Amino acid sequence: MRHSISHAACGLAIALALAPAAMAQTTRVAAEVKAGAYVADTSHSKVTWSVSHFGFSTYVGQFAGVTASLKLDPANLGATALDATVQTAAVGTLNPALDTHLKAPDFLDVAKFPTATFKATSVKSTGASTADITGDLTLHGVTRPVVLQATFTQAGVSPIDKKYTVGFSAMAVVKRSEFGIKTYVPAISDDVTLQIDTEFKAAS
């Protein structure tokens, strides 16, 4: 057991020592991102949501374990392909009782609708490192168009796994009532703000 811990510590120390060199291989210029196919790193991809709670506070929760595939060419954004899936039962608020309620028919009804999906239909550049990603969001059995305001964060070789990695964040606001989730509207806000943070790994 001690040997395992020691080996793990040595591995982490080596990775941290090599991190500056690896980070030197990164870029924050979107046009320099390598074209190709990518898959989401589920350990570092999540959707954070927030709502107004009776006007007293902003309540925040997350969906972890996002899976997604991406085909990207910075020189031809119009050809971008993006498909993402969220397991609705992965909702988390650090409040077990609330998590159980969110999974019930009042809200996500995860037994009937175990996944939410997003499929991009168009991508339009809005700046040197930003784009609007329009796509179909399917949630609670309803499909509606949603626009994600996406921002490229960084690309390059990860100092940990040595894989070429591309990072993005995105934001959108959706009305949950439009997806048939109407419990406590408007006391708990109809508008749900989504903050998406994803790391993609080169598929090959």
C-alpha atoms as a PDB file:
ATOM      1  CA  MET A   1       0.000   0.000   0.000  1.00  0.00           C
ATOM      2  CA  ARG A   2       2.807   2.401   0.924  1.00  0.00           C
ATOM      3  CA  HIS A   3       4.551   1.593  -2.349  1.00  0.00           C
ATOM      4  CA  SER A   4       1.377   2.422  -4.297  1.00  0.00           C
ATOM      5  CA  ILE A   5       1.001   5.760  -2.542  1.00  0.00           C
ATOM      6  CA  SER A   6       4.662   6.514  -3.077  1.00  0.00           C
ATOM      7  CA  HIS A   7       4.468   5.688  -6.772  1.00  0.00           C
ATOM      8  CA  ALA A   8       1.347   7.837  -7.179  1.00  0.00           C
ATOM      9  CA  ALA A   9       3.012  10.737  -5.391  1.00  0.00           C
ATOM     10  CA  CYS A  10       6.091  10.411  -7.585  1.00  0.00           C
ATOM     11  CA  GLY A  11       3.915  10.369 -10.689  1.00  0.00           C
ATOM     12  CA  LEU A  12       2.107  13.519  -9.594  1.00  0.00           C
ATOM     13  CA  ALA A  13       5.389  15.238  -8.756  1.00  0.00           C
ATOM     14  CA  ILE A  14       6.797  14.396 -12.183  1.00  0.00           C
ATOM     15  CA  ALA A  15       3.640  15.626 -13.912  1.00  0.00           C
ATOM     16  CA  LEU A  16       3.760  18.900 -11.995  1.00  0.00           C
ATOM     17  CA  ALA A  17       7.445  19.307 -12.774  1.00  0.00           C
ATOM     18  CA  LEU A  18       6.774  18.816 -16.463  1.00  0.00           C
ATOM     19  CA  ALA A  19       3.674  21.027 -16.469  1.00  0.00           C
ATOM     20  CA  PRO A  20       5.434  24.299 -17.411  1.00  0.00           C
ATOM     21  CA  ALA A  21       6.973  22.677 -20.490  1.00  0.00           C
ATOM     22  CA  ALA A  22       3.664  21.123 -21.490  1.00  0.00           C
ATOM     23  CA  MET A  23       1.771  24.368 -20.984  1.00  0.00           C
ATOM     24  CA  ALA A  24       4.230  26.093 -23.278  1.00  0.00           C
ATOM     25  CA  GLN A  25       2.666  24.001 -26.039  1.00  0.00           C
ATOM     26  CA  THR A  26      -0.759  25.561 -25.524  1.00  0.00           C
ATOM     27  CA  THR A  27      -2.510  28.337 -27.428  1.00  0.00           C
ATOM     28  CA  ARG A  28      -5.361  30.708 -26.709  1.00  0.00           C
ATOM     29  CA  VAL A  29      -5.705  31.646 -30.378  1.00  0.00           C
ATOM     30  CA  ALA A  30      -8.758  29.833 -31.722  1.00  0.00           C
ATOM     31  CA  ALA A  31      -7.475  29.831 -35.297  1.00  0.00           C
ATOM     32  CA  GLU A  32      -4.513  27.704 -34.171  1.00  0.00           C
ATOM     33  CA  VAL A  33      -6.639  24.829 -32.852  1.00  0.00           C
ATOM     34  CA  LYS A  34      -5.993  21.535 -34.625  1.00  0.00           C
ATOM     35  CA  ALA A  35      -8.831  20.434 -36.868  1.00  0.00           C
ATOM     36  CA  GLY A  36     -10.179  16.975 -36.217  1.00  0.00           C
ATOM     37  CA  ALA A  37     -12.467  14.780 -34.148  1.00  0.00           C
ATOM     38  CA  TYR A  38     -12.715  15.127 -30.369  1.00  0.00           C
ATOM     39  CA  VAL A  39     -14.527  13.492 -27.462  1.00  0.00           C
ATOM     40  CA  ALA A  40     -15.433  15.151 -24.183  1.00  0.00           C
ATOM     41  CA  ASP A  41     -13.382  14.379 -21.091  1.00  0.00           C
ATOM     42  CA  THR A  42     -16.273  13.463 -18.816  1.00  0.00           C
ATOM     43  CA  SER A  43     -14.189  14.044 -15.687  1.00  0.00           C
ATOM     44  CA  HIS A  44     -13.721  17.691 -16.648  1.00  0.00           C
ATOM     45  CA  SER A  45     -17.027  18.488 -18.329  1.00  0.00           C
ATOM     46  CA  LYS A  46     -20.107  19.727 -16.530  1.00  0.00           C
ATOM     47  CA  VAL A  47     -23.254  21.783 -16.836  1.00  0.00           C
ATOM     48  CA  THR A  48     -23.929  24.241 -14.016  1.00  0.00           C
ATOM     49  CA  TRP A  49     -27.499  25.547 -13.780  1.00  0.00           C
ATOM     50  CA  SER A  50     -28.972  28.321 -11.701  1.00  0.00           C
ATOM     51  CA  VAL A  51     -32.460  29.607 -10.929  1.00  0.00           C
ATOM     52  CA  SER A  52     -33.991  32.339  -8.801  1.00  0.00           C
ATOM     53  CA  HIS A  53     -35.394  30.780  -5.634  1.00  0.00           C
ATOM     54  CA  PHE A  54     -38.529  32.726  -4.673  1.00  0.00           C
ATOM     55  CA  GLY A  55     -36.555  35.909  -5.334  1.00  0.00           C
ATOM     56  CA  PHE A  56     -34.517  35.398  -2.165  1.00  0.00           C
ATOM     57  CA  SER A  57     -31.447  33.758  -3.674  1.00  0.00           C
ATOM     58  CA  THR A  58     -29.880  32.239  -6.754  1.00  0.00           C
ATOM     59  CA  TYR A  59     -29.836  28.465  -6.386  1.00  0.00           C
ATOM     60  CA  VAL A  60     -27.141  26.496  -8.190  1.00  0.00           C
ATOM     61  CA  GLY A  61     -26.728  22.844  -9.137  1.00  0.00           C
ATOM     62  CA  GLN A  62     -24.809  20.763 -11.634  1.00  0.00           C
ATOM     63  CA  PHE A  63     -24.949  17.879 -14.042  1.00  0.00           C
ATOM     64  CA  ALA A  64     -21.659  15.993 -14.149  1.00  0.00           C
ATOM     65  CA  GLY A  65     -20.408  13.307 -16.515  1.00  0.00           C
ATOM     66  CA  VAL A  66     -21.296  15.027 -19.787  1.00  0.00           C
ATOM     67  CA  THR A  67     -20.516  12.934 -22.861  1.00  0.00           C
ATOM     68  CA  ALA A  68     -20.025  14.586 -26.244  1.00  0.00           C
ATOM     69  CA  SER A  69     -18.401  14.252 -29.643  1.00  0.00           C
ATOM     70  CA  LEU A  70     -17.050  17.173 -31.634  1.00  0.00           C
ATOM     71  CA  LYS A  71     -15.767  17.597 -35.170  1.00  0.00           C
ATOM     72  CA  LEU A  72     -14.037  20.934 -35.527  1.00  0.00           C
ATOM     73  CA  ASP A  73     -12.139  22.896 -38.155  1.00  0.00           C
ATOM     74  CA  PRO A  74     -11.383  26.514 -37.195  1.00  0.00           C
ATOM     75  CA  ALA A  75     -11.096  27.371 -40.893  1.00  0.00           C
ATOM     76  CA  ASN A  76     -14.613  26.058 -41.569  1.00  0.00           C
ATOM     77  CA  LEU A  77     -16.807  26.577 -38.506  1.00  0.00           C
ATOM     78  CA  GLY A  78     -19.928  25.984 -40.556  1.00  0.00           C
ATOM     79  CA  ALA A  79     -18.984  22.321 -40.825  1.00  0.00           C
ATOM     80  CA  THR A  80     -18.793  21.847 -37.044  1.00  0.00           C
ATOM     81  CA  ALA A  81     -20.579  18.786 -35.674  1.00  0.00           C
ATOM     82  CA  LEU A  82     -21.415  18.598 -31.973  1.00  0.00           C
ATOM     83  CA  ASP A  83     -23.511  16.024 -30.138  1.00  0.00           C
ATOM     84  CA  ALA A  84     -23.781  16.018 -26.349  1.00  0.00           C
ATOM     85  CA  THR A  85     -25.662  13.895 -23.830  1.00  0.00           C
ATOM     86  CA  VAL A  86     -26.368  14.483 -20.157  1.00  0.00           C
ATOM     87  CA  GLN A  87     -27.662  11.798 -17.810  1.00  0.00           C
ATOM     88  CA  THR A  88     -30.484  13.580 -15.996  1.00  0.00           C
ATOM     89  CA  ALA A  89     -30.046  11.365 -12.918  1.00  0.00           C
ATOM     90  CA  ALA A  90     -26.577  12.933 -12.537  1.00  0.00           C
ATOM     91  CA  VAL A  91     -28.144  16.133 -11.205  1.00  0.00           C
ATOM     92  CA  GLY A  92     -26.516  17.277  -7.988  1.00  0.00           C
ATOM     93  CA  THR A  93     -27.047  20.080  -5.466  1.00  0.00           C
ATOM     94  CA  LEU A  94     -25.253  18.659  -2.374  1.00  0.00           C
ATOM     95  CA  ASN A  95     -28.724  18.333  -0.846  1.00  0.00           C
ATOM     96  CA  PRO A  96     -29.845  14.670  -1.066  1.00  0.00           C
ATOM     97  CA  ALA A  97     -33.524  15.409  -0.411  1.00  0.00           C
ATOM     98  CA  LEU A  98     -33.610  18.091  -3.094  1.00  0.00           C
ATOM     99  CA  ASP A  99     -31.749  15.857  -5.541  1.00  0.00           C
ATOM    100  CA  THR A 100     -34.425  13.206  -5.051  1.00  0.00           C
ATOM    101  CA  HIS A 101     -37.173  15.767  -5.683  1.00  0.00           C
ATOM    102  CA  LEU A 102     -35.450  17.067  -8.828  1.00  0.00           C
ATOM    103  CA  LYS A 103     -35.365  13.530 -10.221  1.00  0.00           C
ATOM    104  CA  ALA A 104     -39.095  13.035  -9.573  1.00  0.00           C
ATOM    105  CA  PRO A 105     -41.972  13.704 -12.025  1.00  0.00           C
ATOM    106  CA  ASP A 106     -42.383  17.239 -10.622  1.00  0.00           C
ATOM    107  CA  PHE A 107     -39.160  18.217 -12.357  1.00  0.00           C
ATOM    108  CA  LEU A 108     -36.807  16.078 -14.479  1.00  0.00           C
ATOM    109  CA  ASP A 109     -38.733  12.788 -14.216  1.00  0.00           C
ATOM    110  CA  VAL A 110     -35.512  10.860 -14.791  1.00  0.00           C
ATOM    111  CA  ALA A 111     -37.215   7.464 -14.892  1.00  0.00           C
ATOM    112  CA  LYS A 112     -39.161   8.546 -17.981  1.00  0.00           C
ATOM    113  CA  PHE A 113     -36.561  10.894 -19.462  1.00  0.00           C
ATOM    114  CA  PRO A 114     -33.107   9.553 -18.502  1.00  0.00           C
ATOM    115  CA  THR A 115     -31.138  11.787 -20.853  1.00  0.00           C
ATOM    116  CA  ALA A 116     -31.039  15.302 -22.210  1.00  0.00           C
ATOM    117  CA  THR A 117     -29.296  15.860 -25.538  1.00  0.00           C
ATOM    118  CA  PHE A 118     -27.982  18.724 -27.625  1.00  0.00           C
ATOM    119  CA  LYS A 119     -27.215  18.482 -31.342  1.00  0.00           C
ATOM    120  CA  ALA A 120     -25.691  21.478 -33.092  1.00  0.00           C
ATOM    121  CA  THR A 121     -27.371  22.653 -36.301  1.00  0.00           C
ATOM    122  CA  SER A 122     -25.215  25.695 -37.081  1.00  0.00           C
ATOM    123  CA  VAL A 123     -22.173  27.563 -35.774  1.00  0.00           C
ATOM    124  CA  LYS A 124     -21.536  31.261 -36.392  1.00  0.00           C
ATOM    125  CA  SER A 125     -18.392  33.119 -35.387  1.00  0.00           C
ATOM    126  CA  THR A 126     -19.031  36.168 -33.198  1.00  0.00           C
ATOM    127  CA  GLY A 127     -15.413  37.105 -32.471  1.00  0.00           C
ATOM    128  CA  ALA A 128     -11.844  35.873 -32.498  1.00  0.00           C
ATOM    129  CA  SER A 129     -12.566  33.320 -29.782  1.00  0.00           C
ATOM    130  CA  THR A 130     -16.371  33.265 -29.573  1.00  0.00           C
ATOM    131  CA  ALA A 131     -19.216  31.716 -31.527  1.00  0.00           C
ATOM    132  CA  ASP A 132     -22.950  31.145 -31.353  1.00  0.00           C
ATOM    133  CA  ILE A 133     -23.794  27.457 -31.511  1.00  0.00           C
ATOM    134  CA  THR A 134     -27.421  26.898 -32.485  1.00  0.00           C
ATOM    135  CA  GLY A 135     -28.797  23.451 -31.881  1.00  0.00           C
ATOM    136  CA  ASP A 136     -31.682  21.278 -30.826  1.00  0.00           C
ATOM    137  CA  LEU A 137     -31.978  20.688 -27.074  1.00  0.00           C
ATOM    138  CA  THR A 138     -34.104  17.717 -26.097  1.00  0.00           C
ATOM    139  CA  LEU A 139     -35.141  17.833 -22.445  1.00  0.00           C
ATOM    140  CA  HIS A 140     -38.063  16.199 -20.654  1.00  0.00           C
ATOM    141  CA  GLY A 141     -39.206  14.742 -23.982  1.00  0.00           C
ATOM    142  CA  VAL A 142     -39.416  18.134 -25.709  1.00  0.00           C
ATOM    143  CA  THR A 143     -37.073  19.377 -28.443  1.00  0.00           C
ATOM    144  CA  ARG A 144     -36.534  23.099 -28.944  1.00  0.00           C
ATOM    145  CA  PRO A 145     -33.837  25.278 -30.544  1.00  0.00           C
ATOM    146  CA  VAL A 146     -31.281  26.793 -28.172  1.00  0.00           C
ATOM    147  CA  VAL A 147     -28.311  29.070 -28.811  1.00  0.00           C
ATOM    148  CA  LEU A 148     -25.127  28.485 -26.830  1.00  0.00           C
ATOM    149  CA  GLN A 149     -22.814  31.480 -26.572  1.00  0.00           C
ATOM    150  CA  ALA A 150     -19.488  29.667 -26.684  1.00  0.00           C
ATOM    151  CA  THR A 151     -15.995  30.852 -25.819  1.00  0.00           C
ATOM    152  CA  PHE A 152     -12.771  29.064 -26.684  1.00  0.00           C
ATOM    153  CA  THR A 153     -10.459  28.966 -23.669  1.00  0.00           C
ATOM    154  CA  GLN A 154      -7.304  27.069 -24.599  1.00  0.00           C
ATOM    155  CA  ALA A 155      -5.879  24.222 -26.671  1.00  0.00           C
ATOM    156  CA  GLY A 156      -2.721  22.191 -26.432  1.00  0.00           C
ATOM    157  CA  VAL A 157      -1.133  19.149 -24.874  1.00  0.00           C
ATOM    158  CA  SER A 158      -2.401  18.391 -21.364  1.00  0.00           C
ATOM    159  CA  PRO A 159       0.447  18.161 -18.837  1.00  0.00           C
ATOM    160  CA  ILE A 160      -1.292  15.229 -17.141  1.00  0.00           C
ATOM    161  CA  ASP A 161      -2.279  12.763 -19.868  1.00  0.00           C
ATOM    162  CA  LYS A 162      -0.177  14.246 -22.708  1.00  0.00           C
ATOM    163  CA  LYS A 163      -3.237  14.309 -24.990  1.00  0.00           C
ATOM    164  CA  TYR A 164      -4.135  17.221 -27.249  1.00  0.00           C
ATOM    165  CA  THR A 165      -6.966  19.002 -25.446  1.00  0.00           C
ATOM    166  CA  VAL A 166      -9.359  21.803 -26.390  1.00  0.00           C
ATOM    167  CA  GLY A 167     -11.336  23.737 -23.773  1.00  0.00           C
ATOM    168  CA  PHE A 168     -14.582  25.647 -24.195  1.00  0.00           C
ATOM    169  CA  SER A 169     -17.142  27.363 -22.035  1.00  0.00           C
ATOM    170  CA  ALA A 170     -20.667  28.275 -23.089  1.00  0.00           C
ATOM    171  CA  MET A 171     -23.745  29.973 -21.674  1.00  0.00           C
ATOM    172  CA  ALA A 172     -27.444  29.832 -22.468  1.00  0.00           C
ATOM    173  CA  VAL A 173     -30.736  30.735 -20.839  1.00  0.00           C
ATOM    174  CA  VAL A 174     -33.704  28.416 -21.333  1.00  0.00           C
ATOM    175  CA  LYS A 175     -37.306  28.586 -20.133  1.00  0.00           C
ATOM    176  CA  ARG A 176     -38.029  25.320 -18.359  1.00  0.00           C
ATOM    177  CA  SER A 177     -41.780  25.679 -18.912  1.00  0.00           C
ATOM    178  CA  GLU A 178     -41.160  25.363 -22.649  1.00  0.00           C
ATOM    179  CA  PHE A 179     -39.848  21.868 -21.917  1.00  0.00           C
ATOM    180  CA  GLY A 180     -42.844  20.954 -19.778  1.00  0.00           C
ATOM    181  CA  ILE A 181     -41.130  21.543 -16.404  1.00  0.00           C
ATOM    182  CA  LYS A 182     -43.535  23.986 -14.787  1.00  0.00           C
ATOM    183  CA  THR A 183     -43.488  23.169 -11.064  1.00  0.00           C
ATOM    184  CA  TYR A 184     -43.416  26.330  -8.909  1.00  0.00           C
ATOM    185  CA  VAL A 185     -43.114  28.704 -11.887  1.00  0.00           C
ATOM    186  CA  PRO A 186     -42.706  31.661 -11.429  1.00  0.00           C
ATOM    187  CA  ALA A 187     -41.786  31.450  -7.725  1.00  0.00           C
ATOM    188  CA  ILE A 188     -38.830  29.376  -8.796  1.00  0.00           C
ATOM    189  CA  SER A 189     -37.811  31.128 -11.968  1.00  0.00           C
ATOM    190  CA  ASP A 190     -38.870  29.904 -15.378  1.00  0.00           C
ATOM    191  CA  ASP A 191     -35.518  31.097 -16.720  1.00  0.00           C
ATOM    192  CA  VAL A 192     -32.712  28.639 -16.087  1.00  0.00           C
ATOM    193  CA  THR A 193     -29.162  29.833 -16.739  1.00  0.00           C
ATOM    194  CA  LEU A 194     -26.828  27.149 -18.046  1.00  0.00           C
ATOM    195  CA  GLN A 195     -23.050  27.462 -17.746  1.00  0.00           C
ATOM    196  CA  ILE A 196     -21.203  24.739 -19.646  1.00  0.00           C
ATOM    197  CA  ASP A 197     -17.510  23.963 -19.215  1.00  0.00           C
ATOM    198  CA  THR A 198     -15.958  21.220 -21.302  1.00  0.00           C
ATOM    199  CA  GLU A 199     -12.578  19.773 -22.139  1.00  0.00           C
ATOM    200  CA  PHE A 200     -12.335  17.809 -25.367  1.00  0.00           C
ATOM    201  CA  LYS A 201      -9.606  15.268 -26.123  1.00  0.00           C
ATOM    202  CA  ALA A 202      -8.399  14.506 -29.645  1.00  0.00           C
ATOM    203  CA  ALA A 203     -10.041  11.257 -30.748  1.00  0.00           C
ATOM    204  CA  SER A 204      -6.852   9.985 -32.369  1.00  0.00           C
END
